[in-house]
PDB file of N, CA and C in Angstrom:
ATOM      1  N   MET A   1      63.268  40.593 -23.880  1.00  0.00           N
ATOM      2  CA  MET A   1      63.205  40.292 -22.534  1.00  0.00           C
ATOM      3  C   MET A   1      61.704  40.800 -22.219  1.00  0.00           C
ATOM      4  N   GLU A   2      61.083  41.945 -22.914  1.00  0.00           N
ATOM      5  CA  GLU A   2      59.826  42.239 -22.475  1.00  0.00           C
ATOM      6  C   GLU A   2      58.658  41.297 -22.544  1.00  0.00           C
ATOM      7  N   GLU A   3      59.330  40.799 -24.055  1.00  0.00           N
ATOM      8  CA  GLU A   3      57.766  39.928 -24.456  1.00  0.00           C
ATOM      9  C   GLU A   3      58.012  38.562 -23.882  1.00  0.00           C
ATOM     10  N   GLN A   4      58.872  37.749 -23.654  1.00  0.00           N
ATOM     11  CA  GLN A   4      58.958  36.791 -22.363  1.00  0.00           C
ATOM     12  C   GLN A   4      58.746  37.384 -21.422  1.00  0.00           C
ATOM     13  N   GLU A   5      58.391  38.789 -20.260  1.00  0.00           N
ATOM     14  CA  GLU A   5      58.166  39.102 -18.814  1.00  0.00           C
ATOM     15  C   GLU A   5      56.760  38.580 -19.236  1.00  0.00           C
ATOM     16  N   THR A   6      56.200  39.211 -20.081  1.00  0.00           N
ATOM     17  CA  THR A   6      54.623  39.820 -20.734  1.00  0.00           C
ATOM     18  C   THR A   6      54.172  38.371 -21.160  1.00  0.00           C
ATOM     19  N   GLY A   7      54.911  37.456 -21.645  1.00  0.00           N
ATOM     20  CA  GLY A   7      54.335  36.144 -21.990  1.00  0.00           C
ATOM     21  C   GLY A   7      54.316  35.468 -20.347  1.00  0.00           C
ATOM     22  N   GLY A   8      55.140  35.401 -19.223  1.00  0.00           N
ATOM     23  CA  GLY A   8      55.363  35.116 -18.714  1.00  0.00           C
ATOM     24  C   GLY A   8      54.364  35.420 -17.610  1.00  0.00           C
ATOM     25  N   GLN A   9      53.855  36.574 -17.642  1.00  0.00           N
ATOM     26  CA  GLN A   9      52.833  37.017 -16.891  1.00  0.00           C
ATOM     27  C   GLN A   9      51.451  36.668 -17.314  1.00  0.00           C
ATOM     28  N   GLN A  10      51.632  36.354 -18.443  1.00  0.00           N
ATOM     29  CA  GLN A  10      50.106  35.580 -19.246  1.00  0.00           C
ATOM     30  C   GLN A  10      49.944  34.685 -18.890  1.00  0.00           C
ATOM     31  N   ILE A  11      51.184  33.658 -18.773  1.00  0.00           N
ATOM     32  CA  ILE A  11      51.537  32.283 -18.391  1.00  0.00           C
ATOM     33  C   ILE A  11      50.744  32.509 -16.532  1.00  0.00           C
ATOM     34  N   LEU A  12      51.135  33.269 -16.122  1.00  0.00           N
ATOM     35  CA  LEU A  12      51.594  33.273 -14.756  1.00  0.00           C
ATOM     36  C   LEU A  12      49.374  33.608 -14.279  1.00  0.00           C
ATOM     37  N   VAL A  13      49.005  34.480 -15.176  1.00  0.00           N
ATOM     38  CA  VAL A  13      47.680  34.718 -15.221  1.00  0.00           C
ATOM     39  C   VAL A  13      46.621  34.010 -15.542  1.00  0.00           C
ATOM     40  N   SER A  14      46.922  32.925 -16.138  1.00  0.00           N
ATOM     41  CA  SER A  14      46.427  31.664 -16.629  1.00  0.00           C
ATOM     42  C   SER A  14      46.379  30.873 -15.684  1.00  0.00           C
ATOM     43  N   ILE A  15      47.654  30.529 -15.126  1.00  0.00           N
ATOM     44  CA  ILE A  15      47.516  29.438 -14.142  1.00  0.00           C
ATOM     45  C   ILE A  15      47.051  29.679 -13.010  1.00  0.00           C
ATOM     46  N   ALA A  16      46.792  31.131 -12.434  1.00  0.00           N
ATOM     47  CA  ALA A  16      46.265  31.349 -11.610  1.00  0.00           C
ATOM     48  C   ALA A  16      44.669  31.776 -11.566  1.00  0.00           C
ATOM     49  N   ARG A  17      43.910  31.690 -13.228  1.00  0.00           N
ATOM     50  CA  ARG A  17      42.330  31.488 -13.551  1.00  0.00           C
ATOM     51  C   ARG A  17      42.599  29.607 -13.165  1.00  0.00           C
ATOM     52  N   LEU A  18      43.004  29.133 -14.108  1.00  0.00           N
ATOM     53  CA  LEU A  18      43.139  27.871 -13.920  1.00  0.00           C
ATOM     54  C   LEU A  18      42.748  27.388 -12.629  1.00  0.00           C
ATOM     55  N   LYS A  19      44.135  27.693 -11.200  1.00  0.00           N
ATOM     56  CA  LYS A  19      44.144  27.203  -9.804  1.00  0.00           C
ATOM     57  C   LYS A  19      42.345  27.783  -9.505  1.00  0.00           C
ATOM     58  N   GLU A  20      41.966  29.050 -10.023  1.00  0.00           N
ATOM     59  CA  GLU A  20      40.086  29.207  -9.317  1.00  0.00           C
ATOM     60  C   GLU A  20      39.265  28.685  -9.699  1.00  0.00           C
ATOM     61  N   ILE A  21      39.531  28.197 -11.357  1.00  0.00           N
ATOM     62  CA  ILE A  21      38.675  27.363 -12.200  1.00  0.00           C
ATOM     63  C   ILE A  21      38.576  26.213 -11.055  1.00  0.00           C
ATOM     64  N   THR A  22      39.878  25.429 -10.912  1.00  0.00           N
ATOM     65  CA  THR A  22      40.225  24.203 -10.016  1.00  0.00           C
ATOM     66  C   THR A  22      39.117  24.232  -8.856  1.00  0.00           C
ATOM     67  N   VAL A  23      39.344  24.964  -8.040  1.00  0.00           N
ATOM     68  CA  VAL A  23      38.992  25.495  -6.546  1.00  0.00           C
ATOM     69  C   VAL A  23      37.058  25.576  -6.825  1.00  0.00           C
ATOM     70  N   SER A  24      37.065  25.667  -7.724  1.00  0.00           N
ATOM     71  CA  SER A  24      35.216  26.513  -8.271  1.00  0.00           C
ATOM     72  C   SER A  24      34.877  24.764  -8.854  1.00  0.00           C
ATOM     73  N   VAL A  25      35.453  23.912  -9.402  1.00  0.00           N
ATOM     74  CA  VAL A  25      35.129  22.866  -9.923  1.00  0.00           C
ATOM     75  C   VAL A  25      35.101  21.903  -8.775  1.00  0.00           C
ATOM     76  N   GLN A  26      36.011  22.013  -7.840  1.00  0.00           N
ATOM     77  CA  GLN A  26      36.407  20.912  -6.969  1.00  0.00           C
ATOM     78  C   GLN A  26      35.202  21.465  -5.787  1.00  0.00           C
ATOM     79  N   THR A  27      34.939  22.606  -4.962  1.00  0.00           N
ATOM     80  CA  THR A  27      33.571  23.188  -4.268  1.00  0.00           C
ATOM     81  C   THR A  27      32.746  22.586  -4.891  1.00  0.00           C
ATOM     82  N   GLY A  28      32.347  22.906  -6.010  1.00  0.00           N
ATOM     83  CA  GLY A  28      30.893  22.418  -7.005  1.00  0.00           C
ATOM     84  C   GLY A  28      30.855  20.981  -6.968  1.00  0.00           C
ATOM     85  N   SER A  29      31.898  20.167  -6.636  1.00  0.00           N
ATOM     86  CA  SER A  29      31.769  18.508  -6.934  1.00  0.00           C
ATOM     87  C   SER A  29      31.615  18.476  -5.925  1.00  0.00           C
ATOM     88  N   GLY A  30      32.216  19.014  -4.461  1.00  0.00           N
ATOM     89  CA  GLY A  30      31.737  18.581  -3.186  1.00  0.00           C
ATOM     90  C   GLY A  30      30.531  18.761  -2.799  1.00  0.00           C
ATOM     91  N   ASN A  31      30.001  20.230  -3.076  1.00  0.00           N
ATOM     92  CA  ASN A  31      28.236  20.249  -2.982  1.00  0.00           C
ATOM     93  C   ASN A  31      27.575  19.097  -3.986  1.00  0.00           C
ATOM     94  N   MET A  32      27.876  19.020  -4.889  1.00  0.00           N
ATOM     95  CA  MET A  32      26.977  17.965  -5.342  1.00  0.00           C
ATOM     96  C   MET A  32      27.060  16.814  -4.636  1.00  0.00           C
ATOM     97  N   LEU A  33      28.430  16.245  -4.470  1.00  0.00           N
ATOM     98  CA  LEU A  33      28.620  15.036  -3.643  1.00  0.00           C
ATOM     99  C   LEU A  33      27.581  15.132  -2.183  1.00  0.00           C
ATOM    100  N   ARG A  34      27.395  16.140  -1.342  1.00  0.00           N
ATOM    101  CA  ARG A  34      26.900  15.983  -0.102  1.00  0.00           C
ATOM    102  C   ARG A  34      25.455  16.337  -0.299  1.00  0.00           C
ATOM    103  N   SER A  35      24.817  16.700  -1.934  1.00  0.00           N
ATOM    104  CA  SER A  35      23.555  16.874  -2.537  1.00  0.00           C
ATOM    105  C   SER A  35      23.335  15.344  -2.735  1.00  0.00           C
ATOM    106  N   GLY A  36      23.739  14.384  -3.029  1.00  0.00           N
ATOM    107  CA  GLY A  36      23.853  13.599  -3.583  1.00  0.00           C
ATOM    108  C   GLY A  36      23.683  11.912  -2.320  1.00  0.00           C
ATOM    109  N   ASN A  37      24.245  12.822  -1.554  1.00  0.00           N
ATOM    110  CA  ASN A  37      24.636  11.942  -0.330  1.00  0.00           C
ATOM    111  C   ASN A  37      22.946  12.229   0.449  1.00  0.00           C
ATOM    112  N   ASP A  38      22.376  13.409   0.335  1.00  0.00           N
ATOM    113  CA  ASP A  38      21.305  13.872   1.286  1.00  0.00           C
ATOM    114  C   ASP A  38      19.891  13.028   0.375  1.00  0.00           C
ATOM    115  N   LEU A  39      20.480  13.473  -0.601  1.00  0.00           N
ATOM    116  CA  LEU A  39      19.575  12.964  -1.535  1.00  0.00           C
ATOM    117  C   LEU A  39      18.762  10.959  -1.240  1.00  0.00           C
ATOM    118  N   ALA A  40      20.404  10.781  -1.239  1.00  0.00           N
ATOM    119  CA  ALA A  40      20.500   9.113  -1.067  1.00  0.00           C
ATOM    120  C   ALA A  40      19.556   8.695   0.587  1.00  0.00           C
ATOM    121  N   ARG A  41      19.739   9.647   1.203  1.00  0.00           N
ATOM    122  CA  ARG A  41      19.599   9.165   2.444  1.00  0.00           C
ATOM    123  C   ARG A  41      18.229   9.272   2.815  1.00  0.00           C
ATOM    124  N   GLU A  42      17.670  10.803   2.001  1.00  0.00           N
ATOM    125  CA  GLU A  42      16.362  10.974   1.916  1.00  0.00           C
ATOM    126  C   GLU A  42      15.247   9.784   1.573  1.00  0.00           C
ATOM    127  N   THR A  43      15.511   9.165   0.268  1.00  0.00           N
ATOM    128  CA  THR A  43      15.686   8.370  -0.613  1.00  0.00           C
ATOM    129  C   THR A  43      15.514   6.870   0.418  1.00  0.00           C
ATOM    130  N   ASP A  44      15.803   6.507   0.927  1.00  0.00           N
ATOM    131  CA  ASP A  44      15.988   5.487   1.857  1.00  0.00           C
ATOM    132  C   ASP A  44      15.086   5.752   3.330  1.00  0.00           C
ATOM    133  N   GLU A  45      15.152   6.598   3.383  1.00  0.00           N
ATOM    134  CA  GLU A  45      14.072   7.067   4.539  1.00  0.00           C
ATOM    135  C   GLU A  45      12.830   6.910   3.563  1.00  0.00           C
ATOM    136  N   PHE A  46      12.542   8.071   3.117  1.00  0.00           N
ATOM    137  CA  PHE A  46      10.894   7.390   2.337  1.00  0.00           C
ATOM    138  C   PHE A  46      10.997   5.698   1.796  1.00  0.00           C
ATOM    139  N   ILE A  47      11.642   5.357   1.003  1.00  0.00           N
ATOM    140  CA  ILE A  47      11.415   3.845   1.093  1.00  0.00           C
ATOM    141  C   ILE A  47      11.255   3.236   2.868  1.00  0.00           C
ATOM    142  N   LYS A  48      11.964   3.299   3.153  1.00  0.00           N
ATOM    143  CA  LYS A  48      11.244   2.971   4.844  1.00  0.00           C
ATOM    144  C   LYS A  48       9.992   3.263   5.355  1.00  0.00           C
ATOM    145  N   ILE A  49       9.506   4.570   5.645  1.00  0.00           N
ATOM    146  CA  ILE A  49       8.147   4.485   5.643  1.00  0.00           C
ATOM    147  C   ILE A  49       7.009   4.448   4.815  1.00  0.00           C
ATOM    148  N   SER A  50       7.513   4.033   3.764  1.00  0.00           N
ATOM    149  CA  SER A  50       6.846   3.058   2.351  1.00  0.00           C
ATOM    150  C   SER A  50       6.766   2.060   2.911  1.00  0.00           C
ATOM    151  N   ASN A  51       7.710   1.292   3.163  1.00  0.00           N
ATOM    152  CA  ASN A  51       7.818   0.010   3.996  1.00  0.00           C
ATOM    153  C   ASN A  51       7.185  -0.124   4.641  1.00  0.00           C
ATOM    154  N   GLU A  52       6.549   0.810   5.876  1.00  0.00           N
ATOM    155  CA  GLU A  52       6.414   0.569   7.018  1.00  0.00           C
ATOM    156  C   GLU A  52       4.684   0.969   6.812  1.00  0.00           C
ATOM    157  N   ALA A  53       4.564   1.717   6.261  1.00  0.00           N
ATOM    158  CA  ALA A  53       2.815   1.784   5.293  1.00  0.00           C
ATOM    159  C   ALA A  53       2.248   0.664   4.809  1.00  0.00           C
ATOM    160  N   LEU A  54       3.165   0.077   3.807  1.00  0.00           N
ATOM    161  CA  LEU A  54       2.518  -0.977   3.696  1.00  0.00           C
ATOM    162  C   LEU A  54       2.474  -2.459   4.655  1.00  0.00           C
ATOM    163  N   ALA A  55       3.006  -2.023   5.389  1.00  0.00           N
ATOM    164  CA  ALA A  55       3.335  -3.173   6.404  1.00  0.00           C
ATOM    165  C   ALA A  55       2.060  -2.913   7.048  1.00  0.00           C
ATOM    166  N   ASN A  56       2.049  -2.122   7.371  1.00  0.00           N
ATOM    167  CA  ASN A  56       0.325  -1.546   8.108  1.00  0.00           C
ATOM    168  C   ASN A  56      -1.040  -1.760   7.793  1.00  0.00           C
ATOM    169  N   MET A  57      -0.657  -1.704   6.483  1.00  0.00           N
ATOM    170  CA  MET A  57      -1.375  -1.683   5.477  1.00  0.00           C
ATOM    171  C   MET A  57      -2.398  -3.015   5.652  1.00  0.00           C
ATOM    172  N   ASN A  58      -0.904  -3.996   5.169  1.00  0.00           N
ATOM    173  CA  ASN A  58      -1.110  -4.892   4.846  1.00  0.00           C
ATOM    174  C   ASN A  58      -1.783  -5.684   6.795  1.00  0.00           C
ATOM    175  N   GLU A  59      -1.639  -5.699   7.330  1.00  0.00           N
ATOM    176  CA  GLU A  59      -2.031  -6.173   8.992  1.00  0.00           C
ATOM    177  C   GLU A  59      -3.430  -5.806   8.623  1.00  0.00           C
ATOM    178  N   ILE A  60      -3.948  -4.228   8.651  1.00  0.00           N
ATOM    179  CA  ILE A  60      -5.107  -3.706   8.299  1.00  0.00           C
ATOM    180  C   ILE A  60      -6.231  -4.712   7.498  1.00  0.00           C
ATOM    181  N   VAL A  61      -5.599  -4.967   6.206  1.00  0.00           N
ATOM    182  CA  VAL A  61      -6.158  -5.889   5.149  1.00  0.00           C
ATOM    183  C   VAL A  61      -6.333  -7.302   5.267  1.00  0.00           C
ATOM    184  N   ASP A  62      -5.377  -7.908   6.523  1.00  0.00           N
ATOM    185  CA  ASP A  62      -5.566  -9.042   6.666  1.00  0.00           C
ATOM    186  C   ASP A  62      -6.328  -9.246   7.990  1.00  0.00           C
ATOM    187  N   GLY A  63      -6.519  -8.369   9.020  1.00  0.00           N
ATOM    188  CA  GLY A  63      -7.287  -8.615  10.002  1.00  0.00           C
ATOM    189  C   GLY A  63      -9.211  -8.243   9.591  1.00  0.00           C
ATOM    190  N   ALA A  64      -9.483  -7.767   8.755  1.00  0.00           N
ATOM    191  CA  ALA A  64     -10.616  -7.170   7.503  1.00  0.00           C
ATOM    192  C   ALA A  64     -10.777  -8.318   6.832  1.00  0.00           C
ATOM    193  N   LEU A  65      -9.883  -9.075   6.329  1.00  0.00           N
ATOM    194  CA  LEU A  65     -10.632 -10.241   5.533  1.00  0.00           C
ATOM    195  C   LEU A  65     -10.718 -11.757   6.594  1.00  0.00           C
ATOM    196  N   LYS A  66      -9.725 -11.523   7.548  1.00  0.00           N
ATOM    197  CA  LYS A  66     -10.555 -12.260   8.894  1.00  0.00           C
ATOM    198  C   LYS A  66     -11.707 -12.325   8.869  1.00  0.00           C
ATOM    199  N   GLU A  67     -11.753 -10.961   9.643  1.00  0.00           N
ATOM    200  CA  GLU A  67     -13.215 -10.548  10.410  1.00  0.00           C
ATOM    201  C   GLU A  67     -14.225 -10.959   9.214  1.00  0.00           C
ATOM    202  N   ILE A  68     -14.401 -10.179   8.133  1.00  0.00           N
ATOM    203  CA  ILE A  68     -15.086 -11.194   7.105  1.00  0.00           C
ATOM    204  C   ILE A  68     -15.450 -12.085   6.755  1.00  0.00           C
ATOM    205  N   LYS A  69     -14.080 -13.397   6.994  1.00  0.00           N
ATOM    206  CA  LYS A  69     -14.340 -14.955   6.582  1.00  0.00           C
ATOM    207  C   LYS A  69     -14.944 -14.983   8.063  1.00  0.00           C
ATOM    208  N   LYS A  70     -14.956 -14.698   9.187  1.00  0.00           N
ATOM    209  CA  LYS A  70     -15.897 -14.953  10.156  1.00  0.00           C
ATOM    210  C   LYS A  70     -17.195 -15.030  10.195  1.00  0.00           C
ATOM    211  N   ALA A  71     -17.515 -13.819  10.026  1.00  0.00           N
ATOM    212  CA  ALA A  71     -18.910 -13.275   9.601  1.00  0.00           C
ATOM    213  C   ALA A  71     -19.651 -14.219   8.308  1.00  0.00           C
ATOM    214  N   VAL A  72     -18.930 -14.330   7.494  1.00  0.00           N
ATOM    215  CA  VAL A  72     -19.012 -15.086   6.448  1.00  0.00           C
ATOM    216  C   VAL A  72     -19.480 -16.368   6.635  1.00  0.00           C
ATOM    217  N   THR A  73     -18.695 -17.179   7.550  1.00  0.00           N
ATOM    218  CA  THR A  73     -19.141 -18.369   7.878  1.00  0.00           C
ATOM    219  C   THR A  73     -20.478 -18.062   9.301  1.00  0.00           C
ATOM    220  N   LEU A  74     -20.716 -17.343   9.921  1.00  0.00           N
ATOM    221  CA  LEU A  74     -21.249 -17.244  10.878  1.00  0.00           C
ATOM    222  C   LEU A  74     -22.916 -17.394   9.584  1.00  0.00           C
ATOM    223  N   VAL A  75     -22.848 -16.049   9.309  1.00  0.00           N
ATOM    224  CA  VAL A  75     -24.052 -16.379   8.175  1.00  0.00           C
ATOM    225  C   VAL A  75     -24.203 -17.707   7.244  1.00  0.00           C
ATOM    226  N   ALA A  76     -23.346 -17.947   7.142  1.00  0.00           N
ATOM    227  CA  ALA A  76     -23.727 -19.398   6.241  1.00  0.00           C
ATOM    228  C   ALA A  76     -24.273 -20.831   7.136  1.00  0.00           C
ATOM    229  N   GLU A  77     -23.662 -20.638   8.504  1.00  0.00           N
ATOM    230  CA  GLU A  77     -23.815 -21.848   9.820  1.00  0.00           C
ATOM    231  C   GLU A  77     -25.387 -21.246   9.776  1.00  0.00           C
ATOM    232  N   MET A  78     -25.926 -19.836  10.119  1.00  0.00           N
ATOM    233  CA  MET A  78     -27.186 -19.427  10.329  1.00  0.00           C
ATOM    234  C   MET A  78     -27.878 -19.717   9.132  1.00  0.00           C
ATOM    235  N   ASN A  79     -27.482 -19.660   8.260  1.00  0.00           N
ATOM    236  CA  ASN A  79     -28.703 -19.882   7.248  1.00  0.00           C
ATOM    237  C   ASN A  79     -29.133 -21.554   6.876  1.00  0.00           C
ATOM    238  N   SER A  80     -27.794 -22.361   7.558  1.00  0.00           N
ATOM    239  CA  SER A  80     -28.159 -24.226   7.533  1.00  0.00           C
ATOM    240  C   SER A  80     -29.414 -24.223   8.729  1.00  0.00           C
ATOM    241  N   GLU A  81     -28.980 -23.728   9.771  1.00  0.00           N
ATOM    242  CA  GLU A  81     -29.646 -23.565  10.734  1.00  0.00           C
ATOM    243  C   GLU A  81     -30.795 -23.032  10.515  1.00  0.00           C
ATOM    244  N   ASN A  82     -31.559 -22.219   9.853  1.00  0.00           N
ATOM    245  CA  ASN A  82     -32.675 -21.490   9.142  1.00  0.00           C
ATOM    246  C   ASN A  82     -33.062 -22.679   8.772  1.00  0.00           C
ATOM    247  N   ASN A  83     -32.656 -23.002   7.768  1.00  0.00           N
ATOM    248  CA  ASN A  83     -32.789 -24.160   6.519  1.00  0.00           C
ATOM    249  C   ASN A  83     -33.371 -25.450   7.502  1.00  0.00           C
ATOM    250  N   LYS A  84     -32.760 -25.565   8.542  1.00  0.00           N
ATOM    251  CA  LYS A  84     -33.015 -26.984   8.999  1.00  0.00           C
ATOM    252  C   LYS A  84     -34.445 -26.755   9.622  1.00  0.00           C
ATOM    253  N   ASN A  85     -34.308 -25.322  10.787  1.00  0.00           N
ATOM    254  CA  ASN A  85     -35.724 -24.945  11.290  1.00  0.00           C
ATOM    255  C   ASN A  85     -36.291 -25.211  10.714  1.00  0.00           C
ATOM    256  N   PHE A  86     -36.893 -24.446   8.987  1.00  0.00           N
ATOM    257  CA  PHE A  86     -37.546 -24.351   7.980  1.00  0.00           C
ATOM    258  C   PHE A  86     -38.199 -25.666   7.972  1.00  0.00           C
ATOM    259  N   GLU A  87     -37.769 -26.778   7.625  1.00  0.00           N
ATOM    260  CA  GLU A  87     -38.047 -27.653   7.289  1.00  0.00           C
ATOM    261  C   GLU A  87     -38.651 -28.571   8.782  1.00  0.00           C
ATOM    262  N   ASP A  88     -37.743 -28.573   9.843  1.00  0.00           N
ATOM    263  CA  ASP A  88     -38.452 -29.158  10.731  1.00  0.00           C
ATOM    264  C   ASP A  88     -39.920 -28.565  10.964  1.00  0.00           C
ATOM    265  N   LEU A  89     -39.896 -27.254  10.679  1.00  0.00           N
ATOM    266  CA  LEU A  89     -41.860 -26.694  11.012  1.00  0.00           C
ATOM    267  C   LEU A  89     -42.381 -26.932   9.793  1.00  0.00           C
ATOM    268  N   LYS A  90     -42.096 -27.205   8.284  1.00  0.00           N
ATOM    269  CA  LYS A  90     -42.605 -27.735   7.257  1.00  0.00           C
ATOM    270  C   LYS A  90     -43.773 -29.458   7.796  1.00  0.00           C
ATOM    271  N   ASN A  91     -42.424 -30.037   8.181  1.00  0.00           N
ATOM    272  CA  ASN A  91     -42.475 -31.109   8.511  1.00  0.00           C
ATOM    273  C   ASN A  91     -43.670 -31.258   9.640  1.00  0.00           C
ATOM    274  N   GLU A  92     -43.542 -30.722  10.919  1.00  0.00           N
ATOM    275  CA  GLU A  92     -44.502 -30.663  11.555  1.00  0.00           C
ATOM    276  C   GLU A  92     -45.878 -29.906  11.220  1.00  0.00           C
ATOM    277  N   THR A  93     -45.871 -28.454  10.510  1.00  0.00           N
ATOM    278  CA  THR A  93     -47.058 -28.505   9.903  1.00  0.00           C
ATOM    279  C   THR A  93     -47.646 -29.350   8.853  1.00  0.00           C
ATOM    280  N   GLU A  94     -47.101 -30.126   8.323  1.00  0.00           N
ATOM    281  CA  GLU A  94     -47.509 -31.422   6.961  1.00  0.00           C
ATOM    282  C   GLU A  94     -48.675 -31.909   8.616  1.00  0.00           C
ATOM    283  N   LYS A  95     -48.171 -32.224   9.395  1.00  0.00           N
ATOM    284  CA  LYS A  95     -49.128 -33.138  10.064  1.00  0.00           C
ATOM    285  C   LYS A  95     -50.668 -33.027  10.316  1.00  0.00           C
ATOM    286  N   PHE A  96     -50.753 -31.487  10.515  1.00  0.00           N
ATOM    287  CA  PHE A  96     -51.969 -31.019  10.537  1.00  0.00           C
ATOM    288  C   PHE A  96     -52.579 -31.267   9.183  1.00  0.00           C
ATOM    289  N   LYS A  97     -54.130 -31.404   9.386  1.00  0.00           N
ATOM    290  CA  LYS A  97     -55.183 -30.954   7.856  1.00  0.00           C
ATOM    291  C   LYS A  97     -56.073 -30.101   8.444  1.00  0.00           C
ATOM    292  N   ILE A  98     -56.110 -29.352   7.194  1.00  0.00           N
ATOM    293  CA  ILE A  98     -56.784 -28.235   7.416  1.00  0.00           C
ATOM    294  C   ILE A  98     -58.005 -29.017   6.870  1.00  0.00           C
ATOM    295  N   SER A  99     -59.518 -28.387   7.834  1.00  0.00           N
ATOM    296  CA  SER A  99     -60.690 -28.817   6.718  1.00  0.00           C
ATOM    297  C   SER A  99     -61.244 -27.543   6.743  1.00  0.00           C
ATOM    298  N   THR A 100     -61.647 -27.828   5.558  1.00  0.00           N
ATOM    299  CA  THR A 100     -62.332 -25.695   4.385  1.00  0.00           C
ATOM    300  C   THR A 100     -63.551 -26.410   5.337  1.00  0.00           C
ATOM    301  N   GLY A 101     -64.502 -27.469   5.322  1.00  0.00           N
ATOM    302  CA  GLY A 101     -65.944 -28.168   5.021  1.00  0.00           C
ATOM    303  C   GLY A 101     -66.469 -28.642   4.234  1.00  0.00           C
ATOM    304  N   SER A 102     -65.711 -28.237   2.640  1.00  0.00           N
ATOM    305  CA  SER A 102     -65.834 -29.243   1.743  1.00  0.00           C
ATOM    306  C   SER A 102     -65.812 -30.524   1.222  1.00  0.00           C
ATOM    307  N   GLU A 103     -65.136 -31.338   2.411  1.00  0.00           N
ATOM    308  CA  GLU A 103     -64.929 -32.470   2.269  1.00  0.00           C
ATOM    309  C   GLU A 103     -65.992 -33.242   2.792  1.00  0.00           C
ATOM    310  N   ASN A 104     -66.814 -33.025   3.471  1.00  0.00           N
ATOM    311  CA  ASN A 104     -67.595 -33.279   3.988  1.00  0.00           C
ATOM    312  C   ASN A 104     -69.121 -33.544   2.644  1.00  0.00           C
ATOM    313  N   LYS A 105     -69.084 -32.291   1.988  1.00  0.00           N
ATOM    314  CA  LYS A 105     -69.776 -32.350   1.110  1.00  0.00           C
ATOM    315  C   LYS A 105     -70.109 -33.428   0.053  1.00  0.00           C
ATOM    316  N   ASN A 106     -68.759 -33.337  -0.231  1.00  0.00           N
ATOM    317  CA  ASN A 106     -68.367 -34.607  -1.577  1.00  0.00           C
ATOM    318  C   ASN A 106     -68.803 -35.932  -0.951  1.00  0.00           C
ATOM    319  N   SER A 107     -68.156 -36.417   0.459  1.00  0.00           N
ATOM    320  CA  SER A 107     -68.516 -37.688   1.062  1.00  0.00           C
ATOM    321  C   SER A 107     -69.967 -38.078   1.653  1.00  0.00           C
ATOM    322  N   GLY A 108     -71.121 -36.923   1.043  1.00  0.00           N
ATOM    323  CA  GLY A 108     -72.269 -37.092   1.541  1.00  0.00           C
ATOM    324  C   GLY A 108     -73.110 -37.982   1.075  1.00  0.00           C
TER     325      GLY A 108
END
């Protein structure tokens, strides 16, 4: 009987210890779940902020590209106009004959 009583008490102690371990595991699991949820929420927020930053950077780049295209177009138009003006000036200056005085000596 004493052996059964001692064995019974050992079983009760073991069951109590298992209950403590189960509660501890349950608490740890709950903490891990909350931490996982917090991490997922923070990750979602980070992704959202990153996407917003990327969208803003794309807007800035698009705006800069539009301005660069405008500037290149303007420079090309100015270059074309300058070339035309240069040709017009060249044609006008070719109408004038410059005399150095040596022409008269050869014909004399």
